[in-house]
Amino acid sequence: MKAFLRLVAIEHSVFALPFAYLSAIIAGASFWDIVLITIAMVGARTFAMAANRIIDRHIDARNPRTAKRELVTGAVSVRTAWIGAIIALVVFFAAALALNWLCFFLSPLAVIPLVVYPYAKRFTNWPHLVLAIAQAVGPIGAWLAVTGSFAGSGPAWLLGAAVGLWIGGFDLIYACQDAEIDREIGVHSVPSRFGVPFALRLSTQVHALTFALFVYFGLWVGLAWPWYVGLLLAGAAFVYQHVIVTPTDLSKVNRAFFTANGFVGIVLFAFGLVAWLIR
């Protein structure tokens, strides 16, 4: 069990889950809605990570950075990983059904980018865009989980776009550390195709757009001043992230990836919640 949880990096749920909560709360979620949304999000993400590791296990074995992952070393068998993935997928579908029929009928569509993402690096230089689409589903799905309707869901789509760009932007940074080996083994990404300096500049531009969308979201739903205080803190984390990772020094990628982005998710949820309650 411990090895499987390491396999799916369960702690990374802190990135997207806070924004699903924020979207749901603004849409008028009940406590039961939040519980079911949590189950659905964790189920979908667990399936996505398990499928990703299964599909990429041969690529991971050829990359020194990923050669110690559980499916490569045998700490988790492929059979066990598939069982875990299927259970997580069933949990996701069951939670969607418990929420409402719209979520249940749309749930297979939410799974598509989760499966396409690991394959995308085999045929496109822009797998980060597929990841962005997959992550954008969270806030949108949470809104639909509460309301059961597309009516008035515009803010959720905007928040989803912001979250997708945010995660896609830091995936550009994360992929930089594998640029050289990816070129050798034929894995596609922006850093491997266009170079690390280009990927880092593009990530900066994507995160600038992300910040602007977060501002627009706050204005659209009428969040009070704490939201903008949180945005200032998140903006500082964005700047920190882009300062410590340079084309000549990628040693701090993990610090940028885990610390800075975990901070952004938690801070924006906390300040967004307070801003909504004040409103």
Protein backbone atom coordinates (compact mmCIF):
# COMPACT_ATOMS: atom_id res chain seq x y z
CA MET A 1 0.00 0.00 0.00
CA LYS A 2 2.81 2.42 0.89
CA ALA A 3 4.54 1.66 -2.40
CA PHE A 4 1.33 2.20 -4.35
CA LEU A 5 0.73 5.55 -2.62
CA ARG A 6 4.27 6.57 -3.56
CA LEU A 7 3.56 5.39 -7.10
CA VAL A 8 0.56 7.70 -7.47
CA ALA A 9 2.19 10.55 -5.45
CA ILE A 10 -1.00 11.01 -3.44
CA GLU A 11 0.37 14.15 -1.76
CA HIS A 12 0.24 16.01 -5.09
CA SER A 13 -3.53 16.25 -4.71
CA VAL A 14 -2.81 19.53 -2.91
CA PHE A 15 -2.27 21.20 -6.29
CA ALA A 16 -5.71 20.97 -7.90
CA LEU A 17 -8.03 19.96 -5.04
CA PRO A 18 -8.14 23.42 -3.34
CA PHE A 19 -9.47 25.01 -6.52
CA ALA A 20 -12.18 22.38 -6.85
CA TYR A 21 -13.18 23.23 -3.28
CA LEU A 22 -13.19 26.96 -4.03
CA SER A 23 -15.35 26.47 -7.12
CA ALA A 24 -17.75 24.21 -5.24
CA ILE A 25 -18.10 26.59 -2.28
CA ILE A 26 -18.83 29.56 -4.53
CA ALA A 27 -21.43 27.44 -6.34
CA GLY A 28 -23.14 26.77 -2.98
CA ALA A 29 -21.81 23.35 -1.95
CA SER A 30 -23.09 21.43 1.03
CA PHE A 31 -20.82 19.40 3.30
CA TRP A 32 -21.90 16.21 1.49
CA ASP A 33 -21.02 17.79 -1.86
CA ILE A 34 -17.51 18.53 -0.59
CA VAL A 35 -17.08 14.96 0.63
CA LEU A 36 -18.16 13.48 -2.70
CA ILE A 37 -16.07 15.97 -4.69
CA THR A 38 -13.04 14.98 -2.62
CA ILE A 39 -13.66 11.30 -3.31
CA ALA A 40 -14.17 11.96 -7.01
CA MET A 41 -11.05 14.12 -7.34
CA VAL A 42 -8.79 11.73 -5.44
CA GLY A 43 -10.19 8.78 -7.37
CA ALA A 44 -9.66 10.43 -10.74
CA ARG A 45 -6.18 11.61 -9.85
CA THR A 46 -5.16 8.21 -8.48
CA PHE A 47 -6.35 6.56 -11.68
CA ALA A 48 -4.51 9.15 -13.78
CA MET A 49 -1.20 8.70 -11.95
CA ALA A 50 -1.40 4.90 -11.92
CA ALA A 51 -2.23 4.82 -15.64
CA ASN A 52 0.56 7.29 -16.32
CA ARG A 53 3.12 5.15 -14.50
CA ILE A 54 1.91 1.97 -16.23
CA ILE A 55 1.99 3.49 -19.70
CA ASP A 56 5.37 5.19 -19.14
CA ARG A 57 7.16 2.41 -17.28
CA HIS A 58 9.45 1.54 -20.22
CA ILE A 59 10.32 5.20 -20.78
CA ASP A 60 10.92 5.63 -17.05
CA ALA A 61 13.35 2.71 -17.09
CA ARG A 62 15.54 4.52 -19.65
CA ASN A 63 15.66 7.80 -17.72
CA PRO A 64 18.11 7.89 -14.77
CA ARG A 65 15.85 10.35 -12.90
CA THR A 66 12.85 7.99 -13.03
CA ALA A 67 14.59 4.62 -13.09
CA LYS A 68 13.82 4.05 -9.40
CA ARG A 69 10.07 4.43 -9.76
CA GLU A 70 8.06 1.59 -8.27
CA LEU A 71 6.99 -0.11 -11.51
CA VAL A 72 10.56 -0.03 -12.82
CA THR A 73 12.14 -1.51 -9.69
CA GLY A 74 9.32 -3.98 -9.08
CA ALA A 75 8.27 -2.50 -5.75
CA VAL A 76 4.79 -2.46 -7.28
CA SER A 77 3.79 -4.99 -9.93
CA VAL A 78 2.03 -3.95 -13.11
CA ARG A 79 -0.91 -6.16 -12.08
CA THR A 80 -1.20 -4.37 -8.73
CA ALA A 81 -0.98 -0.99 -10.43
CA TRP A 82 -3.77 -1.95 -12.83
CA ILE A 83 -5.95 -3.18 -9.97
CA GLY A 84 -5.39 0.08 -8.11
CA ALA A 85 -6.12 2.12 -11.23
CA ILE A 86 -9.37 0.26 -11.94
CA ILE A 87 -10.55 0.57 -8.33
CA ALA A 88 -9.78 4.30 -8.38
CA LEU A 89 -11.70 4.69 -11.65
CA VAL A 90 -14.73 2.86 -10.24
CA VAL A 91 -14.60 5.10 -7.16
CA PHE A 92 -14.53 8.16 -9.41
CA PHE A 93 -17.55 7.01 -11.42
CA ALA A 94 -19.45 6.07 -8.26
CA ALA A 95 -18.79 9.48 -6.68
CA ALA A 96 -19.89 11.21 -9.89
CA LEU A 97 -23.12 9.19 -9.87
CA ALA A 98 -23.72 10.02 -6.22
CA LEU A 99 -23.35 13.73 -7.04
CA ASN A 100 -25.78 13.96 -9.95
CA TRP A 101 -26.62 12.46 -13.33
CA LEU A 102 -24.90 15.23 -15.30
CA CYS A 103 -21.58 14.51 -13.57
CA PHE A 104 -22.02 10.79 -14.14
CA PHE A 105 -22.73 11.18 -17.86
CA LEU A 106 -19.79 13.56 -18.29
CA SER A 107 -17.34 11.54 -16.19
CA PRO A 108 -16.01 9.45 -19.13
CA LEU A 109 -15.11 12.69 -20.92
CA ALA A 110 -13.09 13.77 -17.88
CA VAL A 111 -11.12 10.52 -18.08
CA ILE A 112 -10.05 11.02 -21.73
CA PRO A 113 -7.31 13.64 -21.16
CA LEU A 114 -6.07 11.67 -18.14
CA VAL A 115 -5.31 8.72 -20.44
CA VAL A 116 -4.19 10.77 -23.44
CA TYR A 117 -1.60 12.73 -21.45
CA PRO A 118 1.01 9.94 -21.03
CA TYR A 119 0.65 9.05 -24.70
CA ALA A 120 0.89 12.69 -25.82
CA LYS A 121 4.65 12.81 -25.29
CA ARG A 122 4.93 10.15 -27.98
CA PHE A 123 3.37 12.22 -30.77
CA THR A 124 3.33 15.93 -29.85
CA ASN A 125 5.78 18.48 -28.49
CA TRP A 126 2.95 19.93 -26.40
CA PRO A 127 1.93 17.24 -23.88
CA HIS A 128 1.81 20.04 -21.29
CA LEU A 129 -1.33 21.35 -23.02
CA VAL A 130 -3.07 18.00 -22.56
CA LEU A 131 -2.15 18.10 -18.87
CA ALA A 132 -3.58 21.62 -18.66
CA ILE A 133 -6.89 20.42 -20.11
CA ALA A 134 -6.98 17.49 -17.68
CA GLN A 135 -6.43 19.80 -14.70
CA ALA A 136 -8.95 22.40 -15.89
CA VAL A 137 -11.70 19.80 -15.44
CA GLY A 138 -11.44 19.99 -11.62
CA PRO A 139 -13.04 23.39 -10.90
CA ILE A 140 -15.56 22.94 -13.73
CA GLY A 141 -16.58 19.49 -12.54
CA ALA A 142 -16.87 20.71 -8.96
CA TRP A 143 -19.26 23.48 -10.02
CA LEU A 144 -21.39 21.04 -12.02
CA ALA A 145 -21.32 18.64 -9.06
CA VAL A 146 -23.02 21.27 -6.92
CA THR A 147 -25.42 22.81 -9.41
CA GLY A 148 -26.12 19.92 -11.79
CA SER A 149 -26.32 22.43 -14.62
CA PHE A 150 -24.14 24.40 -17.03
CA ALA A 151 -26.26 27.50 -16.39
CA GLY A 152 -24.18 30.20 -14.74
CA SER A 153 -21.01 28.09 -14.78
CA GLY A 154 -18.88 30.75 -16.50
CA PRO A 155 -16.73 31.49 -13.42
CA ALA A 156 -15.87 27.80 -13.09
CA TRP A 157 -14.65 27.67 -16.70
CA LEU A 158 -12.50 30.73 -16.06
CA LEU A 159 -11.08 29.24 -12.87
CA GLY A 160 -10.52 25.95 -14.70
CA ALA A 161 -8.57 27.75 -17.42
CA ALA A 162 -6.44 29.50 -14.79
CA VAL A 163 -5.70 26.24 -12.96
CA GLY A 164 -4.95 24.40 -16.21
CA LEU A 165 -2.50 27.09 -17.34
CA TRP A 166 -0.91 27.20 -13.90
CA ILE A 167 -0.23 23.45 -13.84
CA GLY A 168 0.67 23.31 -17.53
CA GLY A 169 3.09 26.18 -16.92
CA PHE A 170 4.94 24.45 -14.13
CA ASP A 171 4.96 21.21 -16.12
CA LEU A 172 7.04 23.14 -18.64
CA ILE A 173 9.53 23.84 -15.85
CA TYR A 174 9.45 20.27 -14.56
CA ALA A 175 10.11 18.84 -18.03
CA CYS A 176 13.27 20.91 -18.38
CA GLN A 177 15.26 18.52 -16.20
CA ASP A 178 14.64 15.71 -18.72
CA ALA A 179 15.23 17.71 -21.92
CA GLU A 180 18.52 16.04 -22.85
CA ILE A 181 17.53 12.46 -22.10
CA ASP A 182 14.12 13.00 -23.75
CA ARG A 183 15.88 13.96 -26.98
CA GLU A 184 18.00 10.82 -26.78
CA ILE A 185 15.11 8.40 -26.23
CA GLY A 186 12.58 10.17 -28.48
CA VAL A 187 10.23 11.64 -25.89
CA HIS A 188 8.51 14.84 -27.03
CA SER A 189 8.19 18.00 -24.94
CA VAL A 190 8.68 21.73 -25.33
CA PRO A 191 12.11 21.70 -23.61
CA SER A 192 13.36 18.75 -25.65
CA ARG A 193 12.15 20.28 -28.94
CA PHE A 194 12.69 24.01 -28.46
CA GLY A 195 15.25 24.10 -25.66
CA VAL A 196 15.22 24.85 -21.95
CA PRO A 197 15.53 28.67 -22.26
CA PHE A 198 12.46 28.81 -24.52
CA ALA A 199 10.47 26.54 -22.18
CA LEU A 200 11.29 28.69 -19.15
CA ARG A 201 10.35 31.91 -20.98
CA LEU A 202 7.09 30.34 -22.13
CA SER A 203 6.35 29.17 -18.59
CA THR A 204 6.84 32.73 -17.32
CA GLN A 205 4.39 34.05 -19.91
CA VAL A 206 1.86 31.31 -19.12
CA HIS A 207 2.02 32.09 -15.41
CA ALA A 208 1.58 35.81 -16.09
CA LEU A 209 -1.62 34.93 -17.96
CA THR A 210 -2.61 32.61 -15.10
CA PHE A 211 -2.26 35.47 -12.62
CA ALA A 212 -4.41 37.73 -14.81
CA LEU A 213 -7.14 35.07 -15.00
CA PHE A 214 -7.12 34.67 -11.22
CA VAL A 215 -7.62 38.43 -10.91
CA TYR A 216 -10.48 38.34 -13.43
CA PHE A 217 -12.07 35.42 -11.58
CA GLY A 218 -12.08 37.40 -8.33
CA LEU A 219 -13.69 40.35 -10.04
CA TRP A 220 -16.29 38.17 -11.79
CA VAL A 221 -17.59 36.49 -8.64
CA GLY A 222 -17.09 39.55 -6.45
CA LEU A 223 -14.51 38.21 -4.03
CA ALA A 224 -13.55 40.59 -1.23
CA TRP A 225 -10.08 42.04 -0.61
CA PRO A 226 -8.49 38.93 1.01
CA TRP A 227 -8.50 37.23 -2.39
CA TYR A 228 -6.16 39.89 -3.75
CA VAL A 229 -3.89 39.59 -0.70
CA GLY A 230 -3.68 35.89 -1.47
CA LEU A 231 -2.94 36.70 -5.09
CA LEU A 232 -0.04 38.90 -4.06
CA LEU A 233 1.39 36.01 -2.03
CA ALA A 234 0.80 33.60 -4.93
CA GLY A 235 2.41 36.08 -7.31
CA ALA A 236 5.47 36.18 -5.06
CA ALA A 237 5.59 32.37 -5.22
CA PHE A 238 5.39 32.53 -9.03
CA VAL A 239 8.30 34.98 -9.11
CA TYR A 240 10.30 32.83 -6.67
CA GLN A 241 9.66 29.78 -8.82
CA HIS A 242 10.98 31.47 -11.94
CA VAL A 243 13.96 33.06 -10.21
CA ILE A 244 15.39 29.89 -8.66
CA VAL A 245 15.15 27.84 -11.89
CA THR A 246 17.39 29.03 -14.72
CA PRO A 247 18.64 27.44 -17.95
CA THR A 248 22.04 26.94 -16.32
CA ASP A 249 20.76 25.71 -12.94
CA LEU A 250 17.92 23.19 -12.81
CA SER A 251 18.90 21.85 -9.40
CA LYS A 252 15.99 23.60 -7.68
CA VAL A 253 13.22 22.33 -9.98
CA ASN A 254 11.75 20.11 -7.26
CA ARG A 255 11.68 23.01 -4.81
CA ALA A 256 9.85 25.11 -7.40
CA PHE A 257 7.51 22.25 -8.27
CA PHE A 258 6.51 21.00 -4.82
CA THR A 259 7.06 23.86 -2.40
CA ALA A 260 6.03 26.87 -4.49
CA ASN A 261 3.04 25.24 -6.16
CA GLY A 262 1.76 23.61 -3.00
CA PHE A 263 1.95 27.03 -1.38
CA VAL A 264 -0.02 28.63 -4.24
CA GLY A 265 -2.87 26.11 -4.01
CA ILE A 266 -3.27 26.32 -0.25
CA VAL A 267 -2.91 30.11 -0.03
CA LEU A 268 -5.39 30.88 -2.80
CA PHE A 269 -7.96 28.51 -1.34
CA ALA A 270 -7.58 29.91 2.18
CA PHE A 271 -7.72 33.54 1.14
CA GLY A 272 -10.44 32.83 -1.44
CA LEU A 273 -12.59 31.15 1.19
CA VAL A 274 -12.22 34.08 3.55
CA ALA A 275 -12.94 36.50 0.71
CA TRP A 276 -16.13 34.60 -0.18
CA LEU A 277 -17.32 34.44 3.42
CA ILE A 278 -16.76 38.18 3.83
CA ARG A 279 -18.71 38.79 0.66
